[in-house]
Amino acid sequence: NTLLKQKFPLRKTINNQSQVYVFGHRNPDTDAITSALVYADFLRRKKINAKAYRLGDLNNETKFVLKRAGMKPPDMLPSYLAAGTAVALVDHNESQQSMENLKMMRVTYVVDHHRLGDLTTLEPIYLRFEP
């Protein structure tokens, strides 16, 4: 709830992007999937066009949780995104856990609870790390 109350320049980070692609790590677990869904919803509430995606098949636990919550699973991330596409990473921040061509994307947000990995960006981005 404190995140919703904070004032930070979310909209300035997307610069004319039609959509922010929000996704967790490869081999997604419940944490990665629900984090993508919730963060995409949060961005939309801030008037940012964001959509949750996944980088792999759902496991049985995640299918159960989504069904129980009455939620549809996110679509699979498209196999091709144009260079410079705005993406948001949740539940990961290491390139080997992410999409194939992450270095070609414009990472705009990272929300994670793991140690800081090897992520590098061309410009400052919004980061939130908590244990």
Protein backbone atom coordinates (compact mmCIF):
# COMPACT_ATOMS: atom_id res chain seq x y z
CA ASN A 1 0.00 0.00 0.00
CA THR A 2 2.88 2.40 0.63
CA LEU A 3 4.02 1.92 -2.97
CA LEU A 4 0.71 3.32 -4.22
CA LYS A 5 1.10 6.40 -2.02
CA GLN A 6 4.62 7.22 -3.18
CA LYS A 7 5.21 9.97 -5.66
CA PHE A 8 7.72 9.04 -8.33
CA PRO A 9 8.01 9.83 -12.04
CA LEU A 10 6.64 6.59 -13.49
CA ARG A 11 5.25 8.19 -16.62
CA LYS A 12 8.48 9.94 -17.54
CA THR A 13 10.28 6.63 -17.97
CA ILE A 14 8.29 5.32 -20.91
CA ASN A 15 8.71 8.17 -23.45
CA ASN A 16 6.11 7.56 -26.16
CA GLN A 17 6.05 3.76 -25.82
CA SER A 18 2.65 2.31 -26.70
CA GLN A 19 2.96 -0.42 -24.06
CA VAL A 20 5.22 -1.62 -21.28
CA TYR A 21 5.73 -5.40 -21.36
CA VAL A 22 5.84 -6.69 -17.76
CA PHE A 23 7.22 -10.17 -17.07
CA GLY A 24 8.97 -12.38 -14.56
CA HIS A 25 11.77 -14.89 -15.11
CA ARG A 26 12.03 -17.95 -17.35
CA ASN A 27 10.44 -21.10 -15.92
CA PRO A 28 7.92 -18.92 -14.12
CA ASP A 29 6.65 -19.85 -10.69
CA THR A 30 3.67 -18.41 -8.87
CA ASP A 31 5.73 -15.48 -7.58
CA ALA A 32 6.87 -14.46 -11.09
CA ILE A 33 3.40 -14.74 -12.62
CA THR A 34 1.47 -12.97 -9.88
CA SER A 35 4.13 -10.25 -9.63
CA ALA A 36 3.78 -9.54 -13.36
CA LEU A 37 -0.01 -9.41 -13.11
CA VAL A 38 -0.01 -7.14 -10.07
CA TYR A 39 2.70 -4.78 -11.31
CA ALA A 40 1.04 -4.39 -14.72
CA ASP A 41 -2.20 -3.55 -12.91
CA PHE A 42 -0.35 -1.02 -10.72
CA LEU A 43 1.14 0.69 -13.79
CA ARG A 44 -2.25 0.84 -15.50
CA ARG A 45 -3.68 2.52 -12.38
CA LYS A 46 -0.92 5.12 -12.86
CA LYS A 47 -2.18 5.68 -16.43
CA ILE A 48 0.64 3.68 -18.03
CA ASN A 49 -0.34 1.16 -20.69
CA ALA A 50 1.16 -2.05 -19.30
CA LYS A 51 0.42 -5.70 -19.88
CA ALA A 52 1.67 -8.79 -18.02
CA TYR A 53 3.35 -11.60 -19.93
CA ARG A 54 5.11 -14.85 -19.06
CA LEU A 55 8.34 -16.42 -20.30
CA GLY A 56 7.33 -20.06 -20.03
CA ASP A 57 4.65 -22.60 -19.27
CA LEU A 58 2.68 -22.40 -16.05
CA ASN A 59 3.30 -24.99 -13.36
CA ASN A 60 0.41 -26.74 -11.62
CA GLU A 61 0.61 -24.59 -8.49
CA THR A 62 0.34 -21.39 -10.50
CA LYS A 63 -2.57 -22.76 -12.54
CA PHE A 64 -4.34 -23.63 -9.28
CA VAL A 65 -3.73 -20.19 -7.73
CA LEU A 66 -4.92 -18.32 -10.82
CA LYS A 67 -8.00 -20.51 -11.16
CA ARG A 68 -8.82 -20.11 -7.47
CA ALA A 69 -8.44 -16.32 -7.78
CA GLY A 70 -10.56 -16.25 -10.94
CA MET A 71 -7.72 -14.73 -12.95
CA LYS A 72 -6.62 -15.47 -16.49
CA PRO A 73 -2.95 -16.35 -16.94
CA PRO A 74 -0.83 -13.81 -18.80
CA ASP A 75 -0.06 -14.46 -22.45
CA MET A 76 3.34 -15.75 -23.50
CA LEU A 77 5.73 -12.91 -24.30
CA PRO A 78 5.86 -12.49 -28.09
CA SER A 79 8.93 -14.10 -29.65
CA TYR A 80 9.87 -10.82 -31.30
CA LEU A 81 9.88 -7.36 -29.77
CA ALA A 82 11.43 -4.42 -31.58
CA ALA A 83 14.71 -3.09 -30.22
CA GLY A 84 14.04 -0.37 -27.68
CA THR A 85 10.69 -1.77 -26.55
CA ALA A 86 9.85 -0.75 -22.98
CA VAL A 87 9.91 -3.69 -20.57
CA ALA A 88 9.51 -4.08 -16.81
CA LEU A 89 11.18 -6.94 -14.94
CA VAL A 90 9.60 -8.45 -11.85
CA ASP A 91 10.98 -11.20 -9.62
CA HIS A 92 14.33 -11.21 -11.45
CA ASN A 93 17.09 -8.90 -12.63
CA GLU A 94 19.70 -11.19 -14.19
CA SER A 95 20.00 -11.48 -17.96
CA GLN A 96 20.29 -15.29 -18.00
CA GLN A 97 16.90 -15.53 -16.23
CA SER A 98 15.19 -13.16 -18.63
CA MET A 99 14.14 -12.95 -22.27
CA GLU A 100 16.65 -13.82 -24.99
CA ASN A 101 17.41 -10.32 -26.28
CA LEU A 102 17.00 -8.30 -23.08
CA LYS A 103 20.02 -6.13 -23.95
CA MET A 104 18.11 -4.85 -26.99
CA MET A 105 15.12 -3.78 -24.88
CA ARG A 106 14.57 -0.60 -22.91
CA VAL A 107 14.29 -1.76 -19.31
CA THR A 108 12.18 0.88 -17.58
CA TYR A 109 11.32 -0.74 -14.23
CA VAL A 110 12.66 -3.53 -12.02
CA VAL A 111 10.79 -4.74 -8.94
CA ASP A 112 12.53 -7.64 -7.22
CA HIS A 113 13.43 -9.29 -3.93
CA HIS A 114 16.62 -11.07 -5.02
CA ARG A 115 20.20 -9.87 -4.88
CA LEU A 116 21.28 -7.40 -7.53
CA GLY A 117 22.38 -9.27 -10.65
CA ASP A 118 24.12 -8.32 -13.89
CA LEU A 119 21.51 -5.94 -15.26
CA THR A 120 22.88 -2.88 -17.03
CA THR A 121 20.85 -0.12 -18.65
CA LEU A 122 21.61 2.80 -20.94
CA GLU A 123 19.79 5.29 -18.74
CA PRO A 124 18.51 5.59 -15.17
CA ILE A 125 15.45 3.46 -14.44
CA TYR A 126 13.00 2.88 -11.61
CA LEU A 127 14.33 0.14 -9.29
CA ARG A 128 12.71 -1.31 -6.20
CA PHE A 129 14.45 -4.09 -4.27
CA GLU A 130 13.13 -5.41 -0.97
CA PRO A 131 13.84 -8.68 0.83
